[in-house]
Amino acid sequence: MLNELATANFAAVERLFSMTKEVLSAKRSSLDEVNFEELVLLRGNMNLLDKMSQEDTKEGEEDL
């Protein structure tokens, strides 16, 4: 069981590092620390933001 948890955590960390490489590209090398962290946070939670947006849209349609 412990091995499965370690593998799952390792995969999540690998995805995070992969995502940060995409954010910190040569074109964005002048990003300051705060903006870099915000971009990584937003990209990492994009699926959550999409779900929240879809729920808001459905609630708005129900009100009509």
PDB file of N, CA and C in Angstrom:
ATOM      1  N   MET A   1       0.816  -1.190   0.000  1.00  0.00           N
ATOM      2  CA  MET A   1       0.000   0.000   0.000  1.00  0.00           C
ATOM      3  C   MET A   1       0.864   1.260   0.000  1.00  0.00           C
ATOM      4  N   LEU A   2       1.911   1.269   0.816  1.00  0.00           N
ATOM      5  CA  LEU A   2       2.788   2.431   0.883  1.00  0.00           C
ATOM      6  C   LEU A   2       3.464   2.675  -0.459  1.00  0.00           C
ATOM      7  N   ASN A   3       3.820   1.601  -1.148  1.00  0.00           N
ATOM      8  CA  ASN A   3       4.452   1.724  -2.459  1.00  0.00           C
ATOM      9  C   ASN A   3       3.497   2.374  -3.455  1.00  0.00           C
ATOM     10  N   GLU A   4       2.215   2.021  -3.393  1.00  0.00           N
ATOM     11  CA  GLU A   4       1.222   2.614  -4.296  1.00  0.00           C
ATOM     12  C   GLU A   4       1.076   4.112  -4.046  1.00  0.00           C
ATOM     13  N   LEU A   5       1.090   4.514  -2.772  1.00  0.00           N
ATOM     14  CA  LEU A   5       0.990   5.936  -2.440  1.00  0.00           C
ATOM     15  C   LEU A   5       2.216   6.701  -2.940  1.00  0.00           C
ATOM     16  N   ALA A   6       3.381   6.110  -2.758  1.00  0.00           N
ATOM     17  CA  ALA A   6       4.604   6.762  -3.216  1.00  0.00           C
ATOM     18  C   ALA A   6       4.602   6.904  -4.727  1.00  0.00           C
ATOM     19  N   THR A   7       4.117   5.898  -5.434  1.00  0.00           N
ATOM     20  CA  THR A   7       4.057   5.960  -6.891  1.00  0.00           C
ATOM     21  C   THR A   7       3.078   7.035  -7.346  1.00  0.00           C
ATOM     22  N   ALA A   8       1.939   7.127  -6.692  1.00  0.00           N
ATOM     23  CA  ALA A   8       0.947   8.147  -7.053  1.00  0.00           C
ATOM     24  C   ALA A   8       1.501   9.546  -6.794  1.00  0.00           C
ATOM     25  N   ASN A   9       2.162   9.723  -5.662  1.00  0.00           N
ATOM     26  CA  ASN A   9       2.743  11.031  -5.356  1.00  0.00           C
ATOM     27  C   ASN A   9       3.851  11.383  -6.328  1.00  0.00           C
ATOM     28  N   PHE A  10       4.654  10.408  -6.708  1.00  0.00           N
ATOM     29  CA  PHE A  10       5.736  10.643  -7.651  1.00  0.00           C
ATOM     30  C   PHE A  10       5.176  11.080  -8.993  1.00  0.00           C
ATOM     31  N   ALA A  11       4.108  10.456  -9.426  1.00  0.00           N
ATOM     32  CA  ALA A  11       3.495  10.817 -10.707  1.00  0.00           C
ATOM     33  C   ALA A  11       2.966  12.248 -10.668  1.00  0.00           C
ATOM     34  N   ALA A  12       2.378  12.643  -9.557  1.00  0.00           N
ATOM     35  CA  ALA A  12       1.862  14.007  -9.432  1.00  0.00           C
ATOM     36  C   ALA A  12       2.998  15.024  -9.472  1.00  0.00           C
ATOM     37  N   VAL A  13       4.096  14.709  -8.826  1.00  0.00           N
ATOM     38  CA  VAL A  13       5.251  15.610  -8.835  1.00  0.00           C
ATOM     39  C   VAL A  13       5.834  15.705 -10.235  1.00  0.00           C
ATOM     40  N   GLU A  14       5.908  14.589 -10.941  1.00  0.00           N
ATOM     41  CA  GLU A  14       6.409  14.598 -12.312  1.00  0.00           C
ATOM     42  C   GLU A  14       5.540  15.472 -13.216  1.00  0.00           C
ATOM     43  N   ARG A  15       4.221  15.383 -13.060  1.00  0.00           N
ATOM     44  CA  ARG A  15       3.316  16.223 -13.847  1.00  0.00           C
ATOM     45  C   ARG A  15       3.531  17.704 -13.531  1.00  0.00           C
ATOM     46  N   LEU A  16       3.739  18.009 -12.260  1.00  0.00           N
ATOM     47  CA  LEU A  16       3.975  19.393 -11.861  1.00  0.00           C
ATOM     48  C   LEU A  16       5.260  19.927 -12.489  1.00  0.00           C
ATOM     49  N   PHE A  17       6.334  19.145 -12.442  1.00  0.00           N
ATOM     50  CA  PHE A  17       7.586  19.590 -13.055  1.00  0.00           C
ATOM     51  C   PHE A  17       7.423  19.766 -14.555  1.00  0.00           C
ATOM     52  N   SER A  18       6.703  18.872 -15.184  1.00  0.00           N
ATOM     53  CA  SER A  18       6.475  18.980 -16.613  1.00  0.00           C
ATOM     54  C   SER A  18       5.710  20.258 -16.939  1.00  0.00           C
ATOM     55  N   MET A  19       4.716  20.557 -16.146  1.00  0.00           N
ATOM     56  CA  MET A  19       3.912  21.749 -16.365  1.00  0.00           C
ATOM     57  C   MET A  19       4.744  23.016 -16.163  1.00  0.00           C
ATOM     58  N   THR A  20       5.613  23.024 -15.149  1.00  0.00           N
ATOM     59  CA  THR A  20       6.417  24.216 -14.904  1.00  0.00           C
ATOM     60  C   THR A  20       7.404  24.458 -16.036  1.00  0.00           C
ATOM     61  N   LYS A  21       7.866  23.394 -16.684  1.00  0.00           N
ATOM     62  CA  LYS A  21       8.749  23.575 -17.842  1.00  0.00           C
ATOM     63  C   LYS A  21       8.019  24.286 -18.968  1.00  0.00           C
ATOM     64  N   GLU A  22       6.728  23.981 -19.123  1.00  0.00           N
ATOM     65  CA  GLU A  22       5.937  24.641 -20.157  1.00  0.00           C
ATOM     66  C   GLU A  22       5.704  26.116 -19.821  1.00  0.00           C
ATOM     67  N   VAL A  23       5.520  26.413 -18.554  1.00  0.00           N
ATOM     68  CA  VAL A  23       5.263  27.794 -18.139  1.00  0.00           C
ATOM     69  C   VAL A  23       6.534  28.631 -18.251  1.00  0.00           C
ATOM     70  N   LEU A  24       7.652  28.086 -17.809  1.00  0.00           N
ATOM     71  CA  LEU A  24       8.902  28.831 -17.797  1.00  0.00           C
ATOM     72  C   LEU A  24       9.703  28.501 -19.055  1.00  0.00           C
ATOM     73  N   SER A  25       9.266  29.027 -20.156  1.00  0.00           N
ATOM     74  CA  SER A  25       9.952  28.820 -21.421  1.00  0.00           C
ATOM     75  C   SER A  25      10.874  30.004 -21.702  1.00  0.00           C
ATOM     76  N   ALA A  26      11.597  29.941 -22.773  1.00  0.00           N
ATOM     77  CA  ALA A  26      12.507  31.032 -23.134  1.00  0.00           C
ATOM     78  C   ALA A  26      11.747  32.336 -23.344  1.00  0.00           C
ATOM     79  N   LYS A  27      10.536  32.241 -23.868  1.00  0.00           N
ATOM     80  CA  LYS A  27       9.738  33.448 -24.105  1.00  0.00           C
ATOM     81  C   LYS A  27       9.304  34.108 -22.798  1.00  0.00           C
ATOM     82  N   ARG A  28       9.258  33.342 -21.735  1.00  0.00           N
ATOM     83  CA  ARG A  28       8.789  33.868 -20.451  1.00  0.00           C
ATOM     84  C   ARG A  28       9.908  33.915 -19.422  1.00  0.00           C
ATOM     85  N   SER A  29      11.121  34.011 -19.852  1.00  0.00           N
ATOM     86  CA  SER A  29      12.251  33.959 -18.927  1.00  0.00           C
ATOM     87  C   SER A  29      12.315  35.174 -18.004  1.00  0.00           C
ATOM     88  N   SER A  30      11.597  36.223 -18.325  1.00  0.00           N
ATOM     89  CA  SER A  30      11.631  37.419 -17.481  1.00  0.00           C
ATOM     90  C   SER A  30      10.505  37.445 -16.447  1.00  0.00           C
ATOM     91  N   LEU A  31       9.767  36.356 -16.298  1.00  0.00           N
ATOM     92  CA  LEU A  31       8.701  36.309 -15.292  1.00  0.00           C
ATOM     93  C   LEU A  31       9.292  36.458 -13.894  1.00  0.00           C
ATOM     94  N   ASP A  32       8.625  37.234 -13.068  1.00  0.00           N
ATOM     95  CA  ASP A  32       9.080  37.271 -11.683  1.00  0.00           C
ATOM     96  C   ASP A  32       8.472  36.084 -10.921  1.00  0.00           C
ATOM     97  N   GLU A  33       8.922  35.905  -9.716  1.00  0.00           N
ATOM     98  CA  GLU A  33       8.547  34.731  -8.925  1.00  0.00           C
ATOM     99  C   GLU A  33       7.040  34.637  -8.687  1.00  0.00           C
ATOM    100  N   VAL A  34       6.410  35.757  -8.376  1.00  0.00           N
ATOM    101  CA  VAL A  34       4.975  35.772  -8.072  1.00  0.00           C
ATOM    102  C   VAL A  34       4.159  35.384  -9.303  1.00  0.00           C
ATOM    103  N   ASN A  35       4.461  35.975 -10.444  1.00  0.00           N
ATOM    104  CA  ASN A  35       3.719  35.655 -11.663  1.00  0.00           C
ATOM    105  C   ASN A  35       3.920  34.200 -12.072  1.00  0.00           C
ATOM    106  N   PHE A  36       5.139  33.691 -11.902  1.00  0.00           N
ATOM    107  CA  PHE A  36       5.410  32.287 -12.213  1.00  0.00           C
ATOM    108  C   PHE A  36       4.550  31.375 -11.348  1.00  0.00           C
ATOM    109  N   GLU A  37       4.511  31.650 -10.047  1.00  0.00           N
ATOM    110  CA  GLU A  37       3.711  30.818  -9.139  1.00  0.00           C
ATOM    111  C   GLU A  37       2.227  30.890  -9.489  1.00  0.00           C
ATOM    112  N   GLU A  38       1.741  32.066  -9.841  1.00  0.00           N
ATOM    113  CA  GLU A  38       0.329  32.212 -10.197  1.00  0.00           C
ATOM    114  C   GLU A  38      -0.001  31.444 -11.472  1.00  0.00           C
ATOM    115  N   LEU A  39       0.873  31.506 -12.464  1.00  0.00           N
ATOM    116  CA  LEU A  39       0.631  30.763 -13.706  1.00  0.00           C
ATOM    117  C   LEU A  39       0.623  29.256 -13.466  1.00  0.00           C
ATOM    118  N   VAL A  40       1.558  28.778 -12.652  1.00  0.00           N
ATOM    119  CA  VAL A  40       1.607  27.345 -12.345  1.00  0.00           C
ATOM    120  C   VAL A  40       0.342  26.930 -11.595  1.00  0.00           C
ATOM    121  N   LEU A  41      -0.087  27.739 -10.645  1.00  0.00           N
ATOM    122  CA  LEU A  41      -1.308  27.439  -9.890  1.00  0.00           C
ATOM    123  C   LEU A  41      -2.519  27.387 -10.811  1.00  0.00           C
ATOM    124  N   LEU A  42      -2.632  28.369 -11.701  1.00  0.00           N
ATOM    125  CA  LEU A  42      -3.768  28.394 -12.620  1.00  0.00           C
ATOM    126  C   LEU A  42      -3.755  27.215 -13.579  1.00  0.00           C
ATOM    127  N   ARG A  43      -2.601  26.918 -14.145  1.00  0.00           N
ATOM    128  CA  ARG A  43      -2.520  25.792 -15.084  1.00  0.00           C
ATOM    129  C   ARG A  43      -2.776  24.470 -14.384  1.00  0.00           C
ATOM    130  N   GLY A  44      -2.304  24.341 -13.153  1.00  0.00           N
ATOM    131  CA  GLY A  44      -2.505  23.110 -12.405  1.00  0.00           C
ATOM    132  C   GLY A  44      -3.942  22.876 -12.008  1.00  0.00           C
ATOM    133  N   ASN A  45      -4.708  23.946 -11.920  1.00  0.00           N
ATOM    134  CA  ASN A  45      -6.102  23.843 -11.492  1.00  0.00           C
ATOM    135  C   ASN A  45      -7.088  24.181 -12.599  1.00  0.00           C
ATOM    136  N   MET A  46      -6.636  24.147 -13.834  1.00  0.00           N
ATOM    137  CA  MET A  46      -7.485  24.519 -14.963  1.00  0.00           C
ATOM    138  C   MET A  46      -8.730  23.633 -15.046  1.00  0.00           C
ATOM    139  N   ASN A  47      -8.578  22.333 -14.768  1.00  0.00           N
ATOM    140  CA  ASN A  47      -9.750  21.450 -14.833  1.00  0.00           C
ATOM    141  C   ASN A  47     -10.793  21.825 -13.777  1.00  0.00           C
ATOM    142  N   LEU A  48     -10.338  22.254 -12.606  1.00  0.00           N
ATOM    143  CA  LEU A  48     -11.265  22.693 -11.559  1.00  0.00           C
ATOM    144  C   LEU A  48     -11.976  23.970 -11.980  1.00  0.00           C
ATOM    145  N   LEU A  49     -11.236  24.899 -12.578  1.00  0.00           N
ATOM    146  CA  LEU A  49     -11.842  26.137 -13.051  1.00  0.00           C
ATOM    147  C   LEU A  49     -12.871  25.866 -14.151  1.00  0.00           C
ATOM    148  N   ASP A  50     -12.577  24.926 -15.036  1.00  0.00           N
ATOM    149  CA  ASP A  50     -13.520  24.566 -16.095  1.00  0.00           C
ATOM    150  C   ASP A  50     -14.814  24.002 -15.503  1.00  0.00           C
ATOM    151  N   LYS A  51     -14.684  23.125 -14.511  1.00  0.00           N
ATOM    152  CA  LYS A  51     -15.877  22.549 -13.876  1.00  0.00           C
ATOM    153  C   LYS A  51     -16.717  23.619 -13.203  1.00  0.00           C
ATOM    154  N   MET A  52     -16.058  24.545 -12.518  1.00  0.00           N
ATOM    155  CA  MET A  52     -16.788  25.620 -11.846  1.00  0.00           C
ATOM    156  C   MET A  52     -17.507  26.499 -12.864  1.00  0.00           C
ATOM    157  N   SER A  53     -16.863  26.764 -13.977  1.00  0.00           N
ATOM    158  CA  SER A  53     -17.468  27.582 -15.023  1.00  0.00           C
ATOM    159  C   SER A  53     -18.684  26.893 -15.632  1.00  0.00           C
ATOM    160  N   GLN A  54     -18.580  25.590 -15.851  1.00  0.00           N
ATOM    161  CA  GLN A  54     -19.701  24.838 -16.405  1.00  0.00           C
ATOM    162  C   GLN A  54     -20.874  24.819 -15.441  1.00  0.00           C
ATOM    163  N   GLU A  55     -20.598  24.682 -14.143  1.00  0.00           N
ATOM    164  CA  GLU A  55     -21.664  24.685 -13.151  1.00  0.00           C
ATOM    165  C   GLU A  55     -22.351  26.046 -13.098  1.00  0.00           C
ATOM    166  N   ASP A  56     -21.561  27.116 -13.198  1.00  0.00           N
ATOM    167  CA  ASP A  56     -22.147  28.457 -13.205  1.00  0.00           C
ATOM    168  C   ASP A  56     -23.041  28.658 -14.415  1.00  0.00           C
ATOM    169  N   THR A  57     -22.619  28.139 -15.566  1.00  0.00           N
ATOM    170  CA  THR A  57     -23.402  28.260 -16.794  1.00  0.00           C
ATOM    171  C   THR A  57     -24.721  27.506 -16.654  1.00  0.00           C
ATOM    172  N   LYS A  58     -24.664  26.301 -16.083  1.00  0.00           N
ATOM    173  CA  LYS A  58     -25.900  25.511 -15.905  1.00  0.00           C
ATOM    174  C   LYS A  58     -26.857  26.215 -14.951  1.00  0.00           C
ATOM    175  N   GLU A  59     -26.328  26.792 -13.868  1.00  0.00           N
ATOM    176  CA  GLU A  59     -27.188  27.493 -12.917  1.00  0.00           C
ATOM    177  C   GLU A  59     -27.825  28.710 -13.570  1.00  0.00           C
ATOM    178  N   GLY A  60     -27.080  29.414 -14.410  1.00  0.00           N
ATOM    179  CA  GLY A  60     -27.627  30.572 -15.107  1.00  0.00           C
ATOM    180  C   GLY A  60     -28.724  30.196 -16.069  1.00  0.00           C
ATOM    181  N   GLU A  61     -28.599  29.047 -16.728  1.00  0.00           N
ATOM    182  CA  GLU A  61     -29.627  28.580 -17.659  1.00  0.00           C
ATOM    183  C   GLU A  61     -30.893  28.171 -16.923  1.00  0.00           C
ATOM    184  N   GLU A  62     -30.735  27.607 -15.712  1.00  0.00           N
ATOM    185  CA  GLU A  62     -31.893  27.195 -14.928  1.00  0.00           C
ATOM    186  C   GLU A  62     -32.694  28.398 -14.449  1.00  0.00           C
ATOM    187  N   ASP A  63     -32.010  29.523 -14.244  1.00  0.00           N
ATOM    188  CA  ASP A  63     -32.701  30.728 -13.770  1.00  0.00           C
ATOM    189  C   ASP A  63     -33.584  31.347 -14.837  1.00  0.00           C
ATOM    190  N   LEU A  64     -33.321  31.026 -16.108  1.00  0.00           N
ATOM    191  CA  LEU A  64     -34.102  31.616 -17.202  1.00  0.00           C
ATOM    192  C   LEU A  64     -35.416  30.964 -17.289  1.00  0.00           C
TER     193      LEU A  64
END
